[in-house]
C-alpha atoms as a PDB file:
ATOM      1  CA  MET A   1       2.431  17.370 -19.942  1.00  0.00           C
ATOM      2  CA  SER A   2       1.287  18.809 -16.606  1.00  0.00           C
ATOM      3  CA  ALA A   3       3.043  17.740 -13.442  1.00  0.00           C
ATOM      4  CA  MET A   4       1.542  14.764 -11.609  1.00  0.00           C
ATOM      5  CA  PRO A   5      -0.679  16.053  -8.747  1.00  0.00           C
ATOM      6  CA  GLN A   6       0.121  14.691  -5.345  1.00  0.00           C
ATOM      7  CA  ILE A   7      -2.198  12.934  -2.966  1.00  0.00           C
ATOM      8  CA  PRO A   8      -0.674  13.930   0.410  1.00  0.00           C
ATOM      9  CA  ALA A   9       2.374  11.799   1.211  1.00  0.00           C
ATOM     10  CA  PHE A  10       3.800  11.893   4.720  1.00  0.00           C
ATOM     11  CA  GLN A  11       6.417  10.215   6.873  1.00  0.00           C
ATOM     12  CA  LEU A  12       3.720   9.951   9.540  1.00  0.00           C
ATOM     13  CA  TYR A  13       0.284  11.432   8.955  1.00  0.00           C
ATOM     14  CA  GLY A  14       0.605  15.212   8.877  1.00  0.00           C
ATOM     15  CA  GLU A  15       4.403  15.186   9.260  1.00  0.00           C
ATOM     16  CA  ASP A  16       7.203  15.542   6.729  1.00  0.00           C
ATOM     17  CA  VAL A  17      10.291  15.231   8.917  1.00  0.00           C
ATOM     18  CA  ALA A  18      12.885  12.501   8.329  1.00  0.00           C
ATOM     19  CA  PHE A  19      12.131   9.210  10.056  1.00  0.00           C
ATOM     20  CA  PRO A  20      14.464   8.955  13.078  1.00  0.00           C
ATOM     21  CA  ASP A  21      14.267   5.307  14.192  1.00  0.00           C
ATOM     22  CA  ILE A  22      13.945   1.776  12.823  1.00  0.00           C
ATOM     23  CA  LEU A  23      10.238   1.912  13.691  1.00  0.00           C
ATOM     24  CA  HIS A  24       7.638   4.195  15.210  1.00  0.00           C
ATOM     25  CA  MET A  25       4.708   3.243  17.431  1.00  0.00           C
ATOM     26  CA  GLU A  26       1.680   5.075  18.694  1.00  0.00           C
ATOM     27  CA  GLN A  27      -1.795   4.224  19.870  1.00  0.00           C
ATOM     28  CA  ILE A  28      -4.702   5.073  17.569  1.00  0.00           C
ATOM     29  CA  ARG A  29      -6.042   7.636  20.024  1.00  0.00           C
ATOM     30  CA  ASP A  30      -2.689   9.449  20.214  1.00  0.00           C
ATOM     31  CA  ARG A  31      -3.184  10.911  16.732  1.00  0.00           C
ATOM     32  CA  ALA A  32      -6.806  10.286  15.777  1.00  0.00           C
ATOM     33  CA  ALA A  33      -8.370  11.902  18.867  1.00  0.00           C
ATOM     34  CA  GLY A  34      -6.819  15.241  17.949  1.00  0.00           C
ATOM     35  CA  LEU A  35      -8.206  14.957  14.413  1.00  0.00           C
ATOM     36  CA  ASP A  36     -11.820  14.289  15.426  1.00  0.00           C
ATOM     37  CA  TRP A  37     -11.116  10.572  14.886  1.00  0.00           C
ATOM     38  CA  VAL A  38     -10.796  11.037  11.107  1.00  0.00           C
ATOM     39  CA  ILE A  39      -7.586  10.364   9.159  1.00  0.00           C
ATOM     40  CA  LYS A  40      -7.990  11.846   5.684  1.00  0.00           C
ATOM     41  CA  PRO A  41      -6.750   9.902   2.632  1.00  0.00           C
ATOM     42  CA  HIS A  42      -2.974  10.030   2.243  1.00  0.00           C
ATOM     43  CA  ARG A  43      -0.043   7.751   1.525  1.00  0.00           C
ATOM     44  CA  HIS A  44       3.471   7.094   2.781  1.00  0.00           C
ATOM     45  CA  THR A  45       6.204   6.896   0.184  1.00  0.00           C
ATOM     46  CA  HIS A  46       8.739   4.893   2.185  1.00  0.00           C
ATOM     47  CA  LEU A  47       6.819   3.483   5.143  1.00  0.00           C
ATOM     48  CA  PHE A  48       5.153   0.114   5.665  1.00  0.00           C
ATOM     49  CA  GLN A  49       2.418   0.362   8.298  1.00  0.00           C
ATOM     50  CA  ILE A  50       0.748  -2.230  10.511  1.00  0.00           C
ATOM     51  CA  PHE A  51      -2.535  -1.297  12.197  1.00  0.00           C
ATOM     52  CA  VAL A  52      -3.494  -3.582  15.071  1.00  0.00           C
ATOM     53  CA  LEU A  53      -7.109  -2.708  15.890  1.00  0.00           C
ATOM     54  CA  LEU A  54      -8.426  -4.201  19.118  1.00  0.00           C
ATOM     55  CA  SER A  55     -11.825  -2.545  19.644  1.00  0.00           C
ATOM     56  CA  GLY A  56     -14.125   0.123  18.277  1.00  0.00           C
ATOM     57  CA  GLN A  57     -15.894   0.783  14.973  1.00  0.00           C
ATOM     58  CA  ILE A  58     -13.596   1.508  12.043  1.00  0.00           C
ATOM     59  CA  SER A  59     -14.336   2.575   8.484  1.00  0.00           C
ATOM     60  CA  PHE A  60     -11.363   2.108   6.167  1.00  0.00           C
ATOM     61  CA  GLN A  61     -10.752   3.657   2.732  1.00  0.00           C
ATOM     62  CA  ALA A  62      -8.231   2.168   0.310  1.00  0.00           C
ATOM     63  CA  ASP A  63      -7.806   3.381  -3.276  1.00  0.00           C
ATOM     64  CA  GLY A  64     -11.390   4.588  -3.519  1.00  0.00           C
ATOM     65  CA  ALA A  65     -13.036   1.556  -1.898  1.00  0.00           C
ATOM     66  CA  HIS A  66     -14.676   1.681   1.530  1.00  0.00           C
ATOM     67  CA  ASP A  67     -14.883  -1.163   4.010  1.00  0.00           C
ATOM     68  CA  GLY A  68     -15.563  -1.779   7.664  1.00  0.00           C
ATOM     69  CA  LEU A  69     -12.964  -3.426   9.889  1.00  0.00           C
ATOM     70  CA  VAL A  70     -14.224  -5.611  12.731  1.00  0.00           C
ATOM     71  CA  PRO A  71     -11.724  -5.872  15.636  1.00  0.00           C
ATOM     72  CA  PRO A  72      -9.648  -7.629  16.649  1.00  0.00           C
ATOM     73  CA  VAL A  73      -8.020  -7.300  13.244  1.00  0.00           C
ATOM     74  CA  ALA A  74      -4.685  -6.337  11.717  1.00  0.00           C
ATOM     75  CA  LEU A  75      -4.214  -4.289   8.558  1.00  0.00           C
ATOM     76  CA  CYS A  76      -0.906  -4.201   6.662  1.00  0.00           C
ATOM     77  CA  LEU A  77      -0.331  -1.288   4.250  1.00  0.00           C
ATOM     78  CA  PRO A  78       2.655  -1.186   1.881  1.00  0.00           C
ATOM     79  CA  PRO A  79       4.294   2.084   0.784  1.00  0.00           C
ATOM     80  CA  GLY A  80       2.240   4.069  -1.706  1.00  0.00           C
ATOM     81  CA  ALA A  81      -1.156   2.640  -0.703  1.00  0.00           C
ATOM     82  CA  VAL A  82      -3.676   5.483  -0.407  1.00  0.00           C
ATOM     83  CA  HIS A  83      -5.632   5.071   2.811  1.00  0.00           C
ATOM     84  CA  GLY A  84      -7.857   6.900   5.264  1.00  0.00           C
ATOM     85  CA  PHE A  85      -9.889   6.035   8.368  1.00  0.00           C
ATOM     86  CA  ARG A  86     -12.859   7.060  10.436  1.00  0.00           C
ATOM     87  CA  PHE A  87     -12.699   5.720  13.990  1.00  0.00           C
ATOM     88  CA  SER A  88     -15.282   5.655  16.757  1.00  0.00           C
ATOM     89  CA  SER A  89     -14.088   7.505  19.855  1.00  0.00           C
ATOM     90  CA  ASP A  90     -13.735   4.248  21.821  1.00  0.00           C
ATOM     91  CA  THR A  91     -11.288   2.718  19.326  1.00  0.00           C
ATOM     92  CA  GLU A  92      -8.254   1.032  20.858  1.00  0.00           C
ATOM     93  CA  GLY A  93      -5.281  -0.166  18.895  1.00  0.00           C
ATOM     94  CA  TRP A  94      -1.797   0.548  17.630  1.00  0.00           C
ATOM     95  CA  VAL A  95      -0.010   1.795  14.532  1.00  0.00           C
ATOM     96  CA  ILE A  96       3.485   0.466  13.788  1.00  0.00           C
ATOM     97  CA  SER A  97       5.369   2.359  11.058  1.00  0.00           C
ATOM     98  CA  LEU A  98       8.450   0.825   9.430  1.00  0.00           C
ATOM     99  CA  PRO A  99      10.893   2.558   7.048  1.00  0.00           C
ATOM    100  CA  VAL A 100      11.260  -0.189   4.458  1.00  0.00           C
ATOM    101  CA  GLN A 101      14.968   0.463   3.820  1.00  0.00           C
ATOM    102  CA  HIS A 102      15.717  -0.904   7.306  1.00  0.00           C
ATOM    103  CA  TYR A 103      13.960  -4.226   6.590  1.00  0.00           C
ATOM    104  CA  PRO A 104      15.275  -5.814   3.390  1.00  0.00           C
ATOM    105  CA  ASP A 105      14.702  -9.213   5.000  1.00  0.00           C
ATOM    106  CA  PHE A 106      10.976  -8.396   5.227  1.00  0.00           C
ATOM    107  CA  PHE A 107      10.284  -6.275   2.148  1.00  0.00           C
ATOM    108  CA  GLY A 108      13.266  -6.623  -0.191  1.00  0.00           C
ATOM    109  CA  THR A 109      13.195  -8.426  -3.499  1.00  0.00           C
ATOM    110  CA  GLY A 110      13.211 -12.176  -2.894  1.00  0.00           C
ATOM    111  CA  ALA A 111      12.306 -11.851   0.812  1.00  0.00           C
ATOM    112  CA  GLU A 112      10.079 -14.648   2.078  1.00  0.00           C
ATOM    113  CA  LEU A 113       7.130 -12.347   2.760  1.00  0.00           C
ATOM    114  CA  ALA A 114       7.728  -9.774   0.007  1.00  0.00           C
ATOM    115  CA  ALA A 115       4.856 -10.935  -2.203  1.00  0.00           C
ATOM    116  CA  ALA A 116       2.448 -11.304   0.720  1.00  0.00           C
ATOM    117  CA  LEU A 117       3.172  -7.756   1.911  1.00  0.00           C
ATOM    118  CA  ALA A 118       3.124  -6.072  -1.508  1.00  0.00           C
ATOM    119  CA  ALA A 119      -0.583  -5.162  -1.329  1.00  0.00           C
ATOM    120  CA  PRO A 120      -2.926  -4.102   1.504  1.00  0.00           C
ATOM    121  CA  ARG A 121      -3.886  -7.131   3.571  1.00  0.00           C
ATOM    122  CA  VAL A 122      -6.490  -7.558   6.332  1.00  0.00           C
ATOM    123  CA  MET A 123      -6.030 -10.413   8.809  1.00  0.00           C
ATOM    124  CA  ALA A 124      -8.034 -11.564  11.792  1.00  0.00           C
ATOM    125  CA  VAL A 125      -5.984 -11.725  14.989  1.00  0.00           C
ATOM    126  CA  THR A 126      -6.622 -12.877  18.535  1.00  0.00           C
ATOM    127  CA  ALA A 127      -7.022 -10.512  21.464  1.00  0.00           C
ATOM    128  CA  ASP A 128      -3.597 -11.708  22.654  1.00  0.00           C
ATOM    129  CA  MET A 129      -2.026  -9.745  19.789  1.00  0.00           C
ATOM    130  CA  GLY A 130      -2.541  -6.626  21.893  1.00  0.00           C
ATOM    131  CA  GLN A 131      -0.180  -8.022  24.528  1.00  0.00           C
ATOM    132  CA  SER A 132       2.499  -8.745  21.938  1.00  0.00           C
ATOM    133  CA  VAL A 133       2.271  -5.225  20.535  1.00  0.00           C
ATOM    134  CA  ALA A 134       2.317  -3.689  24.019  1.00  0.00           C
ATOM    135  CA  ALA A 135       5.494  -5.670  24.773  1.00  0.00           C
ATOM    136  CA  LEU A 136       7.034  -4.331  21.557  1.00  0.00           C
ATOM    137  CA  HIS A 137       6.106  -0.807  22.660  1.00  0.00           C
ATOM    138  CA  ALA A 138       7.789  -1.311  26.028  1.00  0.00           C
ATOM    139  CA  VAL A 139      11.052  -2.112  24.246  1.00  0.00           C
ATOM    140  CA  TRP A 140      10.621   0.700  21.728  1.00  0.00           C
ATOM    141  CA  SER A 141       9.997   3.364  24.372  1.00  0.00           C
ATOM    142  CA  GLY A 142      13.011   2.275  26.450  1.00  0.00           C
ATOM    143  CA  GLN A 143      16.762   2.409  25.966  1.00  0.00           C
ATOM    144  CA  GLY A 144      17.696  -1.097  27.071  1.00  0.00           C
ATOM    145  CA  ARG A 145      20.639  -3.122  25.834  1.00  0.00           C
ATOM    146  CA  LEU A 146      20.274  -4.614  22.354  1.00  0.00           C
ATOM    147  CA  ARG A 147      17.188  -2.465  21.785  1.00  0.00           C
ATOM    148  CA  ARG A 148      17.318  -2.621  17.988  1.00  0.00           C
ATOM    149  CA  MET A 149      17.822  -6.388  17.993  1.00  0.00           C
ATOM    150  CA  GLN A 150      14.911  -6.889  20.372  1.00  0.00           C
ATOM    151  CA  LEU A 151      12.667  -4.642  18.267  1.00  0.00           C
ATOM    152  CA  ARG A 152      13.432  -6.565  15.102  1.00  0.00           C
ATOM    153  CA  ALA A 153      12.973  -9.937  16.804  1.00  0.00           C
ATOM    154  CA  ARG A 154       9.638  -9.032  18.416  1.00  0.00           C
ATOM    155  CA  LEU A 155       8.399  -7.435  15.203  1.00  0.00           C
ATOM    156  CA  ALA A 156       9.304 -10.550  13.206  1.00  0.00           C
ATOM    157  CA  LEU A 157       7.316 -12.708  15.627  1.00  0.00           C
ATOM    158  CA  ILE A 158       4.300 -10.400  15.363  1.00  0.00           C
ATOM    159  CA  LEU A 159       4.360 -10.523  11.561  1.00  0.00           C
ATOM    160  CA  ALA A 160       4.859 -14.283  11.567  1.00  0.00           C
ATOM    161  CA  GLU A 161       1.822 -14.714  13.834  1.00  0.00           C
ATOM    162  CA  MET A 162      -0.309 -12.457  11.643  1.00  0.00           C
ATOM    163  CA  LEU A 163       0.685 -14.172   8.418  1.00  0.00           C
ATOM    164  CA  HIS A 164       0.884 -17.789   9.545  1.00  0.00           C
ATOM    165  CA  ASP A 165      -2.044 -18.829   7.318  1.00  0.00           C
ATOM    166  CA  LEU A 166      -0.417 -17.685   4.069  1.00  0.00           C
ATOM    167  CA  PRO A 167      -0.322 -20.188   1.189  1.00  0.00           C
ATOM    168  CA  ARG A 168       2.965 -22.095   1.010  1.00  0.00           C
ATOM    169  CA  THR A 169       5.245 -22.751  -1.913  1.00  0.00           C
ATOM    170  CA  ALA A 170       6.604 -26.194  -2.723  1.00  0.00           C
ATOM    171  CA  ASP A 171       9.760 -25.560  -0.673  1.00  0.00           C
ATOM    172  CA  GLY A 172       7.773 -24.499   2.395  1.00  0.00           C
ATOM    173  CA  GLY A 173       8.270 -20.757   2.080  1.00  0.00           C
ATOM    174  CA  ALA A 174       5.760 -18.047   1.316  1.00  0.00           C
ATOM    175  CA  ALA A 175       5.400 -17.285  -2.364  1.00  0.00           C
ATOM    176  CA  ALA A 176       7.944 -14.661  -3.458  1.00  0.00           C
ATOM    177  CA  THR A 177       8.059 -12.211  -6.330  1.00  0.00           C
ATOM    178  CA  ASP A 178      10.639 -12.730  -9.076  1.00  0.00           C
ATOM    179  CA  GLU A 179      13.326 -10.025  -8.854  1.00  0.00           C
ATOM    180  CA  ARG A 180      12.921  -9.129 -12.526  1.00  0.00           C
ATOM    181  CA  PHE A 181       9.167  -8.682 -12.077  1.00  0.00           C
ATOM    182  CA  ALA A 182       9.741  -6.443  -9.063  1.00  0.00           C
ATOM    183  CA  ARG A 183      12.046  -4.302 -11.208  1.00  0.00           C
ATOM    184  CA  PHE A 184       9.385  -4.154 -13.922  1.00  0.00           C
ATOM    185  CA  GLN A 185       6.864  -2.917 -11.361  1.00  0.00           C
ATOM    186  CA  ASP A 186       9.310  -0.220 -10.263  1.00  0.00           C
ATOM    187  CA  VAL A 187       9.804   0.955 -13.849  1.00  0.00           C
ATOM    188  CA  ILE A 188       6.028   1.040 -14.382  1.00  0.00           C
ATOM    189  CA  ALA A 189       5.554   3.136 -11.250  1.00  0.00           C
ATOM    190  CA  SER A 190       8.120   5.684 -12.457  1.00  0.00           C
ATOM    191  CA  HIS A 191       7.325   5.831 -16.173  1.00  0.00           C
ATOM    192  CA  ALA A 192       3.767   4.648 -16.898  1.00  0.00           C
ATOM    193  CA  SER A 193       2.530   8.175 -17.646  1.00  0.00           C
ATOM    194  CA  GLY A 194       5.070   8.342 -20.480  1.00  0.00           C
ATOM    195  CA  HIS A 195       3.067   5.702 -22.393  1.00  0.00           C
ATOM    196  CA  TRP A 196       6.201   3.957 -23.605  1.00  0.00           C
ATOM    197  CA  PRO A 197       5.780   0.767 -25.660  1.00  0.00           C
ATOM    198  CA  VAL A 198       6.438  -2.621 -24.082  1.00  0.00           C
ATOM    199  CA  SER A 199       9.669  -2.827 -26.072  1.00  0.00           C
ATOM    200  CA  TRP A 200      10.968   0.202 -24.159  1.00  0.00           C
ATOM    201  CA  TYR A 201      10.233  -1.457 -20.806  1.00  0.00           C
ATOM    202  CA  ALA A 202      11.913  -4.655 -21.941  1.00  0.00           C
ATOM    203  CA  ALA A 203      15.006  -2.663 -22.931  1.00  0.00           C
ATOM    204  CA  GLN A 204      15.142  -0.997 -19.509  1.00  0.00           C
ATOM    205  CA  LEU A 205      15.223  -4.459 -17.946  1.00  0.00           C
ATOM    206  CA  GLY A 206      17.717  -5.928 -20.428  1.00  0.00           C
ATOM    207  CA  MET A 207      15.113  -8.433 -21.618  1.00  0.00           C
ATOM    208  CA  SER A 208      13.393  -9.288 -24.867  1.00  0.00           C
ATOM    209  CA  GLU A 209       9.692  -8.497 -25.220  1.00  0.00           C
ATOM    210  CA  ARG A 210       8.958 -12.224 -25.403  1.00  0.00           C
ATOM    211  CA  ASN A 211      10.770 -12.969 -22.149  1.00  0.00           C
ATOM    212  CA  LEU A 212       9.086 -10.037 -20.410  1.00  0.00           C
ATOM    213  CA  ALA A 213       5.707 -11.327 -21.579  1.00  0.00           C
ATOM    214  CA  ARG A 214       6.516 -14.806 -20.265  1.00  0.00           C
ATOM    215  CA  LEU A 215       7.629 -13.361 -16.923  1.00  0.00           C
ATOM    216  CA  CYS A 216       4.455 -11.317 -16.495  1.00  0.00           C
ATOM    217  CA  LYS A 217       2.268 -14.254 -17.501  1.00  0.00           C
ATOM    218  CA  ALA A 218       3.983 -16.510 -14.961  1.00  0.00           C
ATOM    219  CA  GLN A 219       3.700 -13.956 -12.145  1.00  0.00           C
ATOM    220  CA  THR A 220       0.198 -12.598 -12.759  1.00  0.00           C
ATOM    221  CA  GLY A 221      -1.408 -14.250 -15.778  1.00  0.00           C
ATOM    222  CA  LEU A 222      -1.496 -10.833 -17.486  1.00  0.00           C
ATOM    223  CA  SER A 223       0.451  -9.264 -20.344  1.00  0.00           C
ATOM    224  CA  PRO A 224       2.956  -6.440 -19.763  1.00  0.00           C
ATOM    225  CA  GLN A 225       0.631  -3.961 -21.487  1.00  0.00           C
ATOM    226  CA  ALA A 226      -2.276  -5.004 -19.266  1.00  0.00           C
ATOM    227  CA  LEU A 227      -0.149  -4.435 -16.162  1.00  0.00           C
ATOM    228  CA  ILE A 228       0.966  -1.002 -17.361  1.00  0.00           C
ATOM    229  CA  GLU A 229      -2.607   0.059 -18.084  1.00  0.00           C
ATOM    230  CA  ALA A 230      -3.849  -1.367 -14.780  1.00  0.00           C
ATOM    231  CA  HIS A 231      -1.299   0.810 -12.970  1.00  0.00           C
ATOM    232  CA  LEU A 232      -2.539   3.900 -14.822  1.00  0.00           C
ATOM    233  CA  MET A 233      -6.179   3.091 -14.110  1.00  0.00           C
ATOM    234  CA  ARG A 234      -5.502   2.477 -10.408  1.00  0.00           C
ATOM    235  CA  GLU A 235      -3.784   5.848 -10.203  1.00  0.00           C
ATOM    236  CA  ALA A 236      -6.712   7.406 -12.059  1.00  0.00           C
ATOM    237  CA  SER A 237      -9.148   5.906  -9.541  1.00  0.00           C
ATOM    238  CA  ARG A 238      -7.082   7.366  -6.695  1.00  0.00           C
ATOM    239  CA  LEU A 239      -7.057  10.841  -8.230  1.00  0.00           C
ATOM    240  CA  LEU A 240     -10.805  10.703  -8.891  1.00  0.00           C
ATOM    241  CA  ALA A 241     -11.458   9.536  -5.335  1.00  0.00           C
ATOM    242  CA  TYR A 242      -9.092  11.784  -3.409  1.00  0.00           C
ATOM    243  CA  THR A 243      -8.763  15.002  -5.439  1.00  0.00           C
ATOM    244  CA  GLN A 244     -11.148  17.468  -7.071  1.00  0.00           C
ATOM    245  CA  MET A 245      -9.477  17.160 -10.471  1.00  0.00           C
ATOM    246  CA  SER A 246     -11.763  16.882 -13.493  1.00  0.00           C
ATOM    247  CA  ALA A 247     -11.655  13.698 -15.543  1.00  0.00           C
ATOM    248  CA  GLN A 248      -9.923  15.655 -18.309  1.00  0.00           C
ATOM    249  CA  SER A 249      -7.242  16.876 -15.865  1.00  0.00           C
ATOM    250  CA  VAL A 250      -6.735  13.331 -14.577  1.00  0.00           C
ATOM    251  CA  ALA A 251      -6.320  12.104 -18.142  1.00  0.00           C
ATOM    252  CA  HIS A 252      -3.701  14.738 -18.931  1.00  0.00           C
ATOM    253  CA  ALA A 253      -1.867  14.169 -15.640  1.00  0.00           C
ATOM    254  CA  LEU A 254      -1.527  10.505 -16.553  1.00  0.00           C
ATOM    255  CA  GLY A 255      -0.229  11.232 -20.042  1.00  0.00           C
ATOM    256  CA  PHE A 256      -3.399  10.636 -22.077  1.00  0.00           C
ATOM    257  CA  GLU A 257      -3.575  13.148 -24.935  1.00  0.00           C
ATOM    258  CA  ASP A 258      -7.202  12.219 -25.701  1.00  0.00           C
ATOM    259  CA  ALA A 259      -9.513  12.534 -22.680  1.00  0.00           C
ATOM    260  CA  SER A 260     -12.265  10.625 -24.482  1.00  0.00           C
ATOM    261  CA  TYR A 261      -9.941   7.670 -25.025  1.00  0.00           C
ATOM    262  CA  PHE A 262      -8.983   7.798 -21.328  1.00  0.00           C
ATOM    263  CA  SER A 263     -12.664   7.718 -20.353  1.00  0.00           C
ATOM    264  CA  ARG A 264     -13.274   4.677 -22.557  1.00  0.00           C
ATOM    265  CA  ARG A 265     -10.315   2.815 -21.072  1.00  0.00           C
ATOM    266  CA  PHE A 266     -11.371   3.739 -17.535  1.00  0.00           C
ATOM    267  CA  ARG A 267     -14.899   2.455 -18.186  1.00  0.00           C
ATOM    268  CA  ILE A 268     -13.449  -0.897 -19.286  1.00  0.00           C
ATOM    269  CA  PHE A 269     -11.327  -1.008 -16.124  1.00  0.00           C
ATOM    270  CA  ALA A 270     -13.892   0.154 -13.553  1.00  0.00           C
ATOM    271  CA  GLY A 271     -17.206  -0.595 -15.275  1.00  0.00           C
ATOM    272  CA  LEU A 272     -18.140   3.081 -14.884  1.00  0.00           C
ATOM    273  CA  SER A 273     -17.234   6.353 -16.528  1.00  0.00           C
ATOM    274  CA  PRO A 274     -14.870   8.561 -14.492  1.00  0.00           C
ATOM    275  CA  ARG A 275     -17.781  10.854 -13.619  1.00  0.00           C
ATOM    276  CA  ALA A 276     -20.033   7.988 -12.519  1.00  0.00           C
ATOM    277  CA  TYR A 277     -17.174   6.455 -10.531  1.00  0.00           C
ATOM    278  CA  ARG A 278     -16.704   9.689  -8.569  1.00  0.00           C
ATOM    279  CA  GLN A 279     -20.458  10.091  -8.032  1.00  0.00           C
ATOM    280  CA  ARG A 280     -20.697   6.557  -6.637  1.00  0.00           C
ATOM    281  CA  LEU A 281     -17.945   7.318  -4.128  1.00  0.00           C
ATOM    282  CA  GLU A 282     -19.723  10.493  -3.030  1.00  0.00           C
ATOM    283  CA  GLN A 283     -22.908   8.622  -2.154  1.00  0.00           C
ATOM    284  CA  PRO A 284     -23.475   8.193   1.608  1.00  0.00           C
END
């Protein structure tokens, strides 16, 4: 099997150095202006990013889909989400980058907001959000006493304000992901291209197939096999959107021995053949 091709993955866009702090902040213009206001599709393996966009015209790409963002708006992007932007030259806003290992209380299994932050999320915000982010930046750029504590506290308040309209669970908290399901998702991400049977996944988790099926049904309404295939098809859509690989090369990279079978499965998933899917994305 050929090695999995890589959509560019950075610590920050265009950088591959180790992340030195508990967060990083910069204004949109600090990086985008030097790149002709275009951020090409990429992903961050270990970073959660918050874009607070206060003005301008923004086109956003996520996993092959295009959308416009109307400020003031916030965009949360979990690790691994493929994303790119095109900004107008008058865009104002901030990017906050968080190494997830420093925030188990935000992103760890069982955390109150873990499920809400597991997928890209767009939220309307008030213009006052800019003041809160600027205050966070003032602490971040200084060396005052209790700097790390202040950063975490201010960041928590910003996230709480952004996400205050989330649906609630019966006990008053935000819906959380079952730890076993989170582990299943991790195993899928690492091994889906091996096309292992569901029984293999269940064994990795120390569960029976029946219990794994019940868990997946309770969390998503889908079967384990459907979730595994959905992961493969999402990765296929990313490779078709962000690389020049042929459909046959994408199929082989994802472990499909029969490219025709891959194309049939992709058509069921996306409603288009791989070729038609790419052509649609290339349309102006």
